[in-house]
Amino acid sequence: MTDDFTDADAQTLCDRLGIETKTVIVDGQPRVVIDEAGMRRLADHAPIGATAAHAMVDQATAAMRDHARHLNRIRTDVVTLITARATRPLDDAEQALVATATRAELQAAADQAARLIAEDTAYIAGLDRIRKLTAPYFAKLPAGATFGDAMAIMPPAERAELDAIAATLPIDGDVIVDPDA
């Protein structure tokens, strides 16, 4: 095995072993993650031996549980209030609550805000890339054409890129667009 084991390598291995995975964005980069049951399944097949690998899983899960106990002391309502994108000023009760924020809660709020900014940046970049990929094909189609119409005339490589981008861009609620676009 090489030293540059990638997320794609991890995904392939997990697929081969029937381990469910999830892709999450960490520091703006997609990462493959698995739950403890998946880690146990991987440990069963580890080249260092199942016993040693299970001991490593035990150590990692114990560390995460200890870390989670520390995080549970953070009042999530305070963090949410600090990071909320409110369209109104905080009322007196909310201001009083924020005034009681601990250093850990302020750090959690700062970390959450940074994650939100990174997610927004990735989301906007993904949407912009979709717009750039589809623009030449929409230009060839009549007014009122749909995204599906544009995809139907795209080469397979560009459709595959669109599919990969779309898989990372969950769209919830309403999307506001320029009616003249």
N, C-alpha and C. Protein backbone atom coordinates (compact mmCIF):
# COMPACT_ATOMS: atom_id res chain seq x y z
N MET A 1 0.84 -1.18 0.00
CA MET A 1 0.00 0.00 0.00
C MET A 1 0.89 1.24 0.00
N THR A 2 0.44 2.30 -0.63
CA THR A 2 1.22 3.53 -0.70
C THR A 2 0.87 4.43 0.46
N ASP A 3 1.69 5.46 0.65
CA ASP A 3 1.45 6.43 1.72
C ASP A 3 0.36 7.42 1.36
N ASP A 4 -0.01 7.50 0.09
CA ASP A 4 -1.00 8.48 -0.33
C ASP A 4 -2.36 7.83 -0.57
N PHE A 5 -2.88 7.18 0.46
CA PHE A 5 -4.20 6.55 0.44
C PHE A 5 -5.24 7.64 0.41
N THR A 6 -5.95 7.76 -0.68
CA THR A 6 -6.89 8.86 -0.88
C THR A 6 -8.29 8.50 -0.41
N ASP A 7 -9.17 9.50 -0.38
CA ASP A 7 -10.57 9.24 -0.07
C ASP A 7 -11.19 8.32 -1.11
N ALA A 8 -10.76 8.43 -2.35
CA ALA A 8 -11.27 7.55 -3.40
C ALA A 8 -10.85 6.10 -3.10
N ASP A 9 -9.61 5.93 -2.64
CA ASP A 9 -9.15 4.59 -2.25
C ASP A 9 -9.99 4.07 -1.09
N ALA A 10 -10.26 4.93 -0.12
CA ALA A 10 -11.06 4.53 1.05
C ALA A 10 -12.47 4.16 0.61
N GLN A 11 -13.03 4.93 -0.31
CA GLN A 11 -14.38 4.64 -0.80
C GLN A 11 -14.42 3.30 -1.52
N THR A 12 -13.41 3.04 -2.34
CA THR A 12 -13.34 1.77 -3.06
C THR A 12 -13.24 0.59 -2.09
N LEU A 13 -12.40 0.72 -1.10
CA LEU A 13 -12.25 -0.33 -0.10
C LEU A 13 -13.56 -0.56 0.65
N CYS A 14 -14.20 0.51 1.06
CA CYS A 14 -15.47 0.39 1.78
C CYS A 14 -16.54 -0.25 0.89
N ASP A 15 -16.58 0.13 -0.36
CA ASP A 15 -17.54 -0.48 -1.29
C ASP A 15 -17.28 -1.98 -1.41
N ARG A 16 -16.02 -2.36 -1.51
CA ARG A 16 -15.66 -3.76 -1.65
C ARG A 16 -16.07 -4.57 -0.42
N LEU A 17 -16.00 -3.94 0.76
CA LEU A 17 -16.34 -4.63 2.00
C LEU A 17 -17.80 -4.45 2.41
N GLY A 18 -18.56 -3.71 1.61
CA GLY A 18 -19.98 -3.49 1.92
C GLY A 18 -20.20 -2.55 3.10
N ILE A 19 -19.29 -1.61 3.29
CA ILE A 19 -19.38 -0.66 4.40
C ILE A 19 -20.03 0.62 3.89
N GLU A 20 -21.08 1.06 4.58
CA GLU A 20 -21.76 2.30 4.20
C GLU A 20 -20.87 3.49 4.53
N THR A 21 -20.84 4.45 3.64
CA THR A 21 -20.05 5.66 3.84
C THR A 21 -20.93 6.88 3.67
N LYS A 22 -20.39 7.99 4.11
CA LYS A 22 -21.05 9.28 3.92
C LYS A 22 -19.96 10.26 3.54
N THR A 23 -20.26 11.17 2.64
CA THR A 23 -19.31 12.20 2.28
C THR A 23 -19.71 13.49 2.96
N VAL A 24 -18.76 14.09 3.67
CA VAL A 24 -18.99 15.35 4.35
C VAL A 24 -17.94 16.35 3.88
N ILE A 25 -18.22 17.61 4.09
CA ILE A 25 -17.27 18.66 3.72
C ILE A 25 -16.52 19.06 4.98
N VAL A 26 -15.20 18.94 4.95
CA VAL A 26 -14.33 19.33 6.06
C VAL A 26 -13.32 20.32 5.50
N ASP A 27 -13.30 21.50 6.07
CA ASP A 27 -12.41 22.55 5.59
C ASP A 27 -12.54 22.76 4.08
N GLY A 28 -13.78 22.70 3.60
CA GLY A 28 -14.05 22.94 2.19
C GLY A 28 -13.75 21.77 1.27
N GLN A 29 -13.33 20.64 1.82
CA GLN A 29 -12.97 19.48 1.02
C GLN A 29 -13.89 18.31 1.34
N PRO A 30 -14.32 17.56 0.33
CA PRO A 30 -15.16 16.38 0.62
C PRO A 30 -14.30 15.29 1.27
N ARG A 31 -14.85 14.66 2.30
CA ARG A 31 -14.16 13.57 3.00
C ARG A 31 -15.12 12.41 3.18
N VAL A 32 -14.62 11.21 3.01
CA VAL A 32 -15.41 10.00 3.20
C VAL A 32 -15.34 9.64 4.68
N VAL A 33 -16.50 9.43 5.31
CA VAL A 33 -16.55 9.05 6.71
C VAL A 33 -17.39 7.79 6.86
N ILE A 34 -17.08 7.04 7.93
CA ILE A 34 -17.85 5.84 8.23
C ILE A 34 -18.15 5.83 9.72
N ASP A 35 -19.17 5.10 10.11
CA ASP A 35 -19.54 5.01 11.52
C ASP A 35 -18.69 3.94 12.22
N GLU A 36 -18.95 3.77 13.52
CA GLU A 36 -18.15 2.83 14.30
C GLU A 36 -18.29 1.40 13.78
N ALA A 37 -19.49 1.01 13.37
CA ALA A 37 -19.69 -0.34 12.84
C ALA A 37 -18.82 -0.55 11.59
N GLY A 38 -18.72 0.48 10.76
CA GLY A 38 -17.87 0.40 9.58
C GLY A 38 -16.40 0.29 9.96
N MET A 39 -16.00 1.06 10.99
CA MET A 39 -14.62 0.98 11.47
C MET A 39 -14.32 -0.43 11.96
N ARG A 40 -15.27 -1.04 12.65
CA ARG A 40 -15.08 -2.41 13.15
C ARG A 40 -14.92 -3.39 11.99
N ARG A 41 -15.71 -3.19 10.95
CA ARG A 41 -15.62 -4.06 9.78
C ARG A 41 -14.27 -3.91 9.10
N LEU A 42 -13.80 -2.65 8.99
CA LEU A 42 -12.47 -2.42 8.43
C LEU A 42 -11.40 -3.08 9.29
N ALA A 43 -11.55 -2.98 10.62
CA ALA A 43 -10.56 -3.57 11.53
C ALA A 43 -10.46 -5.07 11.33
N ASP A 44 -11.59 -5.69 11.02
CA ASP A 44 -11.57 -7.13 10.78
C ASP A 44 -10.66 -7.51 9.60
N HIS A 45 -10.43 -6.58 8.69
CA HIS A 45 -9.65 -6.84 7.48
C HIS A 45 -8.33 -6.08 7.45
N ALA A 46 -7.92 -5.50 8.56
CA ALA A 46 -6.73 -4.65 8.59
C ALA A 46 -5.45 -5.46 8.40
N PRO A 47 -4.52 -4.92 7.62
CA PRO A 47 -3.25 -5.63 7.41
C PRO A 47 -2.41 -5.75 8.69
N ILE A 48 -2.67 -4.93 9.70
CA ILE A 48 -1.91 -5.02 10.95
C ILE A 48 -2.49 -6.07 11.88
N GLY A 49 -3.60 -6.69 11.47
CA GLY A 49 -4.25 -7.70 12.29
C GLY A 49 -5.48 -7.13 12.97
N ALA A 50 -6.50 -7.96 13.08
CA ALA A 50 -7.78 -7.52 13.63
C ALA A 50 -7.66 -7.06 15.08
N THR A 51 -6.89 -7.75 15.89
CA THR A 51 -6.77 -7.39 17.31
C THR A 51 -6.17 -6.00 17.47
N ALA A 52 -5.07 -5.75 16.78
CA ALA A 52 -4.43 -4.43 16.87
C ALA A 52 -5.34 -3.34 16.30
N ALA A 53 -6.00 -3.65 15.19
CA ALA A 53 -6.88 -2.65 14.57
C ALA A 53 -8.08 -2.34 15.46
N HIS A 54 -8.67 -3.36 16.09
CA HIS A 54 -9.80 -3.11 16.99
C HIS A 54 -9.36 -2.29 18.20
N ALA A 55 -8.14 -2.51 18.67
CA ALA A 55 -7.62 -1.70 19.78
C ALA A 55 -7.51 -0.23 19.36
N MET A 56 -7.11 0.01 18.13
CA MET A 56 -7.03 1.39 17.63
C MET A 56 -8.42 2.00 17.52
N VAL A 57 -9.39 1.23 17.07
CA VAL A 57 -10.77 1.71 16.99
C VAL A 57 -11.28 2.03 18.39
N ASP A 58 -11.00 1.14 19.36
CA ASP A 58 -11.40 1.39 20.76
C ASP A 58 -10.82 2.70 21.26
N GLN A 59 -9.54 2.93 20.97
CA GLN A 59 -8.86 4.15 21.42
C GLN A 59 -9.49 5.38 20.76
N ALA A 60 -9.75 5.30 19.47
CA ALA A 60 -10.32 6.44 18.75
C ALA A 60 -11.74 6.75 19.23
N THR A 61 -12.55 5.71 19.42
CA THR A 61 -13.93 5.96 19.88
C THR A 61 -13.95 6.49 21.31
N ALA A 62 -13.04 6.02 22.16
CA ALA A 62 -12.97 6.55 23.53
C ALA A 62 -12.59 8.02 23.50
N ALA A 63 -11.64 8.38 22.65
CA ALA A 63 -11.23 9.79 22.54
C ALA A 63 -12.38 10.65 22.05
N MET A 64 -13.14 10.15 21.07
CA MET A 64 -14.27 10.92 20.55
C MET A 64 -15.37 11.07 21.59
N ARG A 65 -15.62 10.01 22.36
CA ARG A 65 -16.64 10.11 23.41
C ARG A 65 -16.22 11.13 24.46
N ASP A 66 -14.93 11.14 24.82
CA ASP A 66 -14.43 12.12 25.78
C ASP A 66 -14.58 13.53 25.22
N HIS A 67 -14.25 13.69 23.96
CA HIS A 67 -14.38 14.99 23.30
C HIS A 67 -15.85 15.41 23.26
N ALA A 68 -16.74 14.47 22.96
CA ALA A 68 -18.18 14.77 22.89
C ALA A 68 -18.72 15.19 24.25
N ARG A 69 -18.24 14.57 25.34
CA ARG A 69 -18.68 14.98 26.68
C ARG A 69 -18.33 16.44 26.93
N HIS A 70 -17.14 16.86 26.47
CA HIS A 70 -16.74 18.25 26.63
C HIS A 70 -17.65 19.16 25.81
N LEU A 71 -17.95 18.75 24.59
CA LEU A 71 -18.80 19.58 23.73
C LEU A 71 -20.22 19.68 24.26
N ASN A 72 -20.70 18.66 24.95
CA ASN A 72 -22.05 18.69 25.47
C ASN A 72 -22.25 19.79 26.50
N ARG A 73 -21.17 20.29 27.07
CA ARG A 73 -21.29 21.37 28.05
C ARG A 73 -21.51 22.73 27.39
N ILE A 74 -21.36 22.76 26.09
CA ILE A 74 -21.59 24.01 25.36
C ILE A 74 -23.09 24.15 25.11
N ARG A 75 -23.63 25.29 25.49
CA ARG A 75 -25.05 25.54 25.29
C ARG A 75 -25.29 25.86 23.81
N THR A 76 -25.91 24.93 23.13
CA THR A 76 -26.11 25.11 21.70
C THR A 76 -27.03 26.28 21.38
N ASP A 77 -27.95 26.61 22.31
CA ASP A 77 -28.82 27.76 22.04
C ASP A 77 -28.02 29.06 22.00
N VAL A 78 -26.96 29.14 22.82
CA VAL A 78 -26.11 30.34 22.81
C VAL A 78 -25.33 30.39 21.51
N VAL A 79 -24.74 29.26 21.12
CA VAL A 79 -23.98 29.22 19.87
C VAL A 79 -24.87 29.55 18.69
N THR A 80 -26.08 28.98 18.67
CA THR A 80 -27.01 29.25 17.58
C THR A 80 -27.38 30.73 17.53
N LEU A 81 -27.63 31.31 18.67
CA LEU A 81 -28.00 32.72 18.73
C LEU A 81 -26.86 33.61 18.21
N ILE A 82 -25.64 33.28 18.60
CA ILE A 82 -24.48 34.08 18.17
C ILE A 82 -24.28 33.96 16.66
N THR A 83 -24.48 32.75 16.11
CA THR A 83 -24.20 32.54 14.70
C THR A 83 -25.40 32.76 13.79
N ALA A 84 -26.57 33.01 14.36
CA ALA A 84 -27.78 33.18 13.55
C ALA A 84 -27.62 34.39 12.64
N ARG A 85 -28.16 34.23 11.46
CA ARG A 85 -28.13 35.34 10.50
C ARG A 85 -29.45 36.10 10.63
N ALA A 86 -29.58 36.76 11.75
CA ALA A 86 -30.85 37.44 12.07
C ALA A 86 -31.02 38.67 11.20
N THR A 87 -32.26 38.95 10.92
CA THR A 87 -32.58 40.17 10.16
C THR A 87 -33.10 41.25 11.10
N ARG A 88 -33.00 40.99 12.40
CA ARG A 88 -33.46 41.95 13.41
C ARG A 88 -32.44 42.01 14.53
N PRO A 89 -32.44 43.10 15.29
CA PRO A 89 -31.53 43.17 16.44
C PRO A 89 -31.96 42.16 17.51
N LEU A 90 -31.02 41.74 18.34
CA LEU A 90 -31.34 40.85 19.45
C LEU A 90 -32.19 41.58 20.47
N ASP A 91 -33.18 40.90 21.03
CA ASP A 91 -33.97 41.52 22.09
C ASP A 91 -33.18 41.46 23.40
N ASP A 92 -33.73 42.04 24.47
CA ASP A 92 -33.00 42.12 25.74
C ASP A 92 -32.65 40.74 26.30
N ALA A 93 -33.57 39.80 26.21
CA ALA A 93 -33.30 38.45 26.74
C ALA A 93 -32.20 37.77 25.94
N GLU A 94 -32.21 37.96 24.62
CA GLU A 94 -31.16 37.36 23.78
C GLU A 94 -29.81 38.00 24.06
N GLN A 95 -29.80 39.32 24.23
CA GLN A 95 -28.55 40.00 24.58
C GLN A 95 -28.01 39.51 25.92
N ALA A 96 -28.90 39.32 26.88
CA ALA A 96 -28.47 38.82 28.19
C ALA A 96 -27.91 37.41 28.07
N LEU A 97 -28.53 36.58 27.24
CA LEU A 97 -28.03 35.22 27.04
C LEU A 97 -26.65 35.23 26.39
N VAL A 98 -26.46 36.04 25.37
CA VAL A 98 -25.16 36.14 24.71
C VAL A 98 -24.10 36.65 25.69
N ALA A 99 -24.49 37.53 26.59
CA ALA A 99 -23.55 38.07 27.58
C ALA A 99 -23.02 36.99 28.52
N THR A 100 -23.73 35.87 28.63
CA THR A 100 -23.28 34.79 29.51
C THR A 100 -22.46 33.73 28.76
N ALA A 101 -22.17 33.96 27.49
CA ALA A 101 -21.42 32.99 26.70
C ALA A 101 -20.03 32.77 27.28
N THR A 102 -19.64 31.52 27.33
CA THR A 102 -18.29 31.17 27.81
C THR A 102 -17.30 31.27 26.66
N ARG A 103 -16.03 31.19 26.98
CA ARG A 103 -14.99 31.20 25.95
C ARG A 103 -15.20 30.03 24.99
N ALA A 104 -15.51 28.84 25.52
CA ALA A 104 -15.73 27.66 24.68
C ALA A 104 -16.93 27.87 23.75
N GLU A 105 -17.98 28.51 24.26
CA GLU A 105 -19.16 28.77 23.42
C GLU A 105 -18.84 29.80 22.33
N LEU A 106 -18.07 30.82 22.68
CA LEU A 106 -17.67 31.80 21.67
C LEU A 106 -16.79 31.15 20.60
N GLN A 107 -15.89 30.24 21.04
CA GLN A 107 -15.04 29.53 20.08
C GLN A 107 -15.89 28.62 19.20
N ALA A 108 -16.85 27.94 19.80
CA ALA A 108 -17.74 27.07 19.02
C ALA A 108 -18.53 27.90 18.01
N ALA A 109 -18.98 29.08 18.42
CA ALA A 109 -19.72 29.96 17.51
C ALA A 109 -18.81 30.43 16.37
N ALA A 110 -17.58 30.79 16.69
CA ALA A 110 -16.63 31.22 15.66
C ALA A 110 -16.35 30.08 14.68
N ASP A 111 -16.15 28.86 15.23
CA ASP A 111 -15.91 27.70 14.38
C ASP A 111 -17.12 27.42 13.49
N GLN A 112 -18.31 27.52 14.08
CA GLN A 112 -19.53 27.29 13.31
C GLN A 112 -19.68 28.34 12.21
N ALA A 113 -19.40 29.59 12.52
CA ALA A 113 -19.50 30.65 11.52
C ALA A 113 -18.50 30.40 10.39
N ALA A 114 -17.29 29.97 10.72
CA ALA A 114 -16.29 29.66 9.70
C ALA A 114 -16.76 28.51 8.82
N ARG A 115 -17.36 27.47 9.43
CA ARG A 115 -17.88 26.36 8.64
C ARG A 115 -19.00 26.82 7.71
N LEU A 116 -19.88 27.69 8.23
CA LEU A 116 -20.98 28.20 7.40
C LEU A 116 -20.45 29.00 6.21
N ILE A 117 -19.44 29.81 6.47
CA ILE A 117 -18.84 30.60 5.38
C ILE A 117 -18.20 29.67 4.36
N ALA A 118 -17.48 28.66 4.82
CA ALA A 118 -16.85 27.71 3.89
C ALA A 118 -17.90 26.96 3.09
N GLU A 119 -18.98 26.53 3.75
CA GLU A 119 -20.04 25.83 3.04
C GLU A 119 -20.71 26.74 2.02
N ASP A 120 -20.96 27.99 2.40
CA ASP A 120 -21.57 28.94 1.47
C ASP A 120 -20.65 29.18 0.27
N THR A 121 -19.36 29.32 0.54
CA THR A 121 -18.40 29.56 -0.53
C THR A 121 -18.37 28.37 -1.49
N ALA A 122 -18.34 27.16 -0.96
CA ALA A 122 -18.35 25.96 -1.80
C ALA A 122 -19.66 25.85 -2.57
N TYR A 123 -20.75 26.18 -1.92
CA TYR A 123 -22.07 26.11 -2.55
C TYR A 123 -22.15 27.10 -3.72
N ILE A 124 -21.71 28.32 -3.49
CA ILE A 124 -21.75 29.34 -4.55
C ILE A 124 -20.83 28.95 -5.70
N ALA A 125 -19.65 28.43 -5.37
CA ALA A 125 -18.72 28.00 -6.42
C ALA A 125 -19.33 26.85 -7.24
N GLY A 126 -20.00 25.94 -6.58
CA GLY A 126 -20.65 24.83 -7.28
C GLY A 126 -21.75 25.32 -8.21
N LEU A 127 -22.59 26.22 -7.71
CA LEU A 127 -23.66 26.77 -8.54
C LEU A 127 -23.10 27.55 -9.72
N ASP A 128 -22.02 28.29 -9.47
CA ASP A 128 -21.40 29.05 -10.55
C ASP A 128 -20.83 28.12 -11.62
N ARG A 129 -20.22 27.01 -11.17
CA ARG A 129 -19.66 26.05 -12.13
C ARG A 129 -20.79 25.42 -12.95
N ILE A 130 -21.91 25.11 -12.31
CA ILE A 130 -23.07 24.56 -13.05
C ILE A 130 -23.54 25.57 -14.09
N ARG A 131 -23.62 26.84 -13.69
CA ARG A 131 -24.05 27.88 -14.64
C ARG A 131 -23.10 27.96 -15.83
N LYS A 132 -21.79 27.91 -15.55
CA LYS A 132 -20.81 28.00 -16.64
C LYS A 132 -20.85 26.75 -17.54
N LEU A 133 -21.05 25.59 -16.94
CA LEU A 133 -21.13 24.36 -17.75
C LEU A 133 -22.35 24.34 -18.65
N THR A 134 -23.48 24.82 -18.14
CA THR A 134 -24.72 24.73 -18.92
C THR A 134 -24.93 25.90 -19.88
N ALA A 135 -24.27 27.02 -19.65
CA ALA A 135 -24.51 28.21 -20.47
C ALA A 135 -24.39 27.96 -21.97
N PRO A 136 -23.34 27.30 -22.45
CA PRO A 136 -23.25 27.09 -23.90
C PRO A 136 -24.39 26.24 -24.47
N TYR A 137 -24.92 25.34 -23.67
CA TYR A 137 -25.99 24.46 -24.14
C TYR A 137 -27.34 25.16 -24.09
N PHE A 138 -27.56 25.98 -23.06
CA PHE A 138 -28.78 26.78 -23.02
C PHE A 138 -28.80 27.76 -24.18
N ALA A 139 -27.61 28.26 -24.58
CA ALA A 139 -27.53 29.20 -25.71
C ALA A 139 -28.00 28.55 -27.01
N LYS A 140 -27.87 27.24 -27.11
CA LYS A 140 -28.28 26.51 -28.32
C LYS A 140 -29.76 26.14 -28.30
N LEU A 141 -30.40 26.30 -27.16
CA LEU A 141 -31.78 25.86 -27.00
C LEU A 141 -32.75 27.04 -27.06
N PRO A 142 -34.02 26.77 -27.35
CA PRO A 142 -35.00 27.86 -27.39
C PRO A 142 -35.31 28.37 -25.98
N ALA A 143 -35.87 29.56 -25.91
CA ALA A 143 -36.28 30.14 -24.63
C ALA A 143 -37.24 29.17 -23.94
N GLY A 144 -37.13 29.08 -22.65
CA GLY A 144 -38.00 28.19 -21.89
C GLY A 144 -37.45 26.78 -21.75
N ALA A 145 -36.26 26.53 -22.32
CA ALA A 145 -35.66 25.20 -22.20
C ALA A 145 -35.35 24.92 -20.74
N THR A 146 -35.29 23.65 -20.40
CA THR A 146 -35.04 23.25 -19.02
C THR A 146 -33.62 22.75 -18.86
N PHE A 147 -33.25 22.57 -17.60
CA PHE A 147 -31.95 22.02 -17.25
C PHE A 147 -31.79 20.64 -17.89
N GLY A 148 -32.85 19.85 -17.87
CA GLY A 148 -32.82 18.53 -18.49
C GLY A 148 -32.57 18.61 -19.99
N ASP A 149 -33.12 19.63 -20.64
CA ASP A 149 -32.89 19.82 -22.07
C ASP A 149 -31.40 20.10 -22.34
N ALA A 150 -30.81 20.95 -21.49
CA ALA A 150 -29.39 21.28 -21.65
C ALA A 150 -28.53 20.05 -21.40
N MET A 151 -28.87 19.28 -20.39
CA MET A 151 -28.09 18.09 -20.08
C MET A 151 -28.17 17.06 -21.20
N ALA A 152 -29.29 17.00 -21.88
CA ALA A 152 -29.48 16.01 -22.95
C ALA A 152 -28.52 16.23 -24.12
N ILE A 153 -28.07 17.46 -24.31
CA ILE A 153 -27.16 17.72 -25.44
C ILE A 153 -25.71 17.90 -25.00
N MET A 154 -25.45 17.69 -23.73
CA MET A 154 -24.08 17.81 -23.21
C MET A 154 -23.31 16.51 -23.45
N PRO A 155 -22.00 16.62 -23.62
CA PRO A 155 -21.19 15.40 -23.71
C PRO A 155 -21.18 14.67 -22.36
N PRO A 156 -20.97 13.38 -22.36
CA PRO A 156 -21.00 12.60 -21.12
C PRO A 156 -20.07 13.12 -20.02
N ALA A 157 -18.89 13.58 -20.37
CA ALA A 157 -17.94 14.05 -19.35
C ALA A 157 -18.50 15.26 -18.61
N GLU A 158 -19.12 16.18 -19.32
CA GLU A 158 -19.68 17.36 -18.67
C GLU A 158 -20.92 17.00 -17.85
N ARG A 159 -21.73 16.04 -18.34
CA ARG A 159 -22.88 15.57 -17.55
C ARG A 159 -22.40 14.92 -16.27
N ALA A 160 -21.31 14.15 -16.36
CA ALA A 160 -20.77 13.50 -15.16
C ALA A 160 -20.27 14.55 -14.16
N GLU A 161 -19.64 15.61 -14.67
CA GLU A 161 -19.19 16.68 -13.78
C GLU A 161 -20.38 17.35 -13.11
N LEU A 162 -21.45 17.60 -13.87
CA LEU A 162 -22.66 18.18 -13.30
C LEU A 162 -23.25 17.29 -12.22
N ASP A 163 -23.31 15.99 -12.50
CA ASP A 163 -23.84 15.05 -11.51
C ASP A 163 -23.01 15.09 -10.23
N ALA A 164 -21.69 15.14 -10.37
CA ALA A 164 -20.81 15.18 -9.20
C ALA A 164 -21.02 16.46 -8.40
N ILE A 165 -21.17 17.57 -9.08
CA ILE A 165 -21.40 18.84 -8.39
C ILE A 165 -22.77 18.82 -7.72
N ALA A 166 -23.78 18.37 -8.44
CA ALA A 166 -25.14 18.35 -7.90
C ALA A 166 -25.23 17.48 -6.65
N ALA A 167 -24.45 16.42 -6.59
CA ALA A 167 -24.48 15.54 -5.42
C ALA A 167 -23.97 16.23 -4.17
N THR A 168 -23.20 17.30 -4.34
CA THR A 168 -22.67 18.02 -3.18
C THR A 168 -23.48 19.26 -2.84
N LEU A 169 -24.52 19.54 -3.61
CA LEU A 169 -25.29 20.77 -3.42
C LEU A 169 -26.75 20.49 -3.08
N PRO A 170 -27.03 20.12 -1.85
CA PRO A 170 -28.44 19.93 -1.50
C PRO A 170 -29.17 21.28 -1.56
N ILE A 171 -30.32 21.26 -2.16
CA ILE A 171 -31.11 22.49 -2.27
C ILE A 171 -32.36 22.32 -1.42
N ASP A 172 -32.47 23.15 -0.41
CA ASP A 172 -33.63 23.13 0.49
C ASP A 172 -34.42 24.41 0.29
N GLY A 173 -35.72 24.31 0.30
CA GLY A 173 -36.55 25.50 0.27
C GLY A 173 -36.60 26.14 -1.11
N ASP A 174 -36.67 27.44 -1.12
CA ASP A 174 -36.81 28.20 -2.36
C ASP A 174 -35.47 28.66 -2.89
N VAL A 175 -35.36 28.70 -4.19
CA VAL A 175 -34.20 29.25 -4.85
C VAL A 175 -34.67 30.47 -5.59
N ILE A 176 -34.03 31.60 -5.35
CA ILE A 176 -34.40 32.85 -6.01
C ILE A 176 -33.45 33.07 -7.17
N VAL A 177 -34.00 33.30 -8.36
CA VAL A 177 -33.18 33.48 -9.54
C VAL A 177 -33.58 34.75 -10.25
N ASP A 178 -32.68 35.22 -11.07
CA ASP A 178 -32.93 36.38 -11.91
C ASP A 178 -33.84 35.94 -13.05
N PRO A 179 -35.05 36.50 -13.17
CA PRO A 179 -35.99 36.06 -14.21
C PRO A 179 -35.48 36.33 -15.62
N ASP A 180 -34.51 37.23 -15.76
CA ASP A 180 -33.99 37.56 -17.09
C ASP A 180 -32.81 36.68 -17.48
N ALA A 181 -32.37 35.82 -16.57
CA ALA A 181 -31.17 35.00 -16.87
C ALA A 181 -31.53 33.87 -17.81
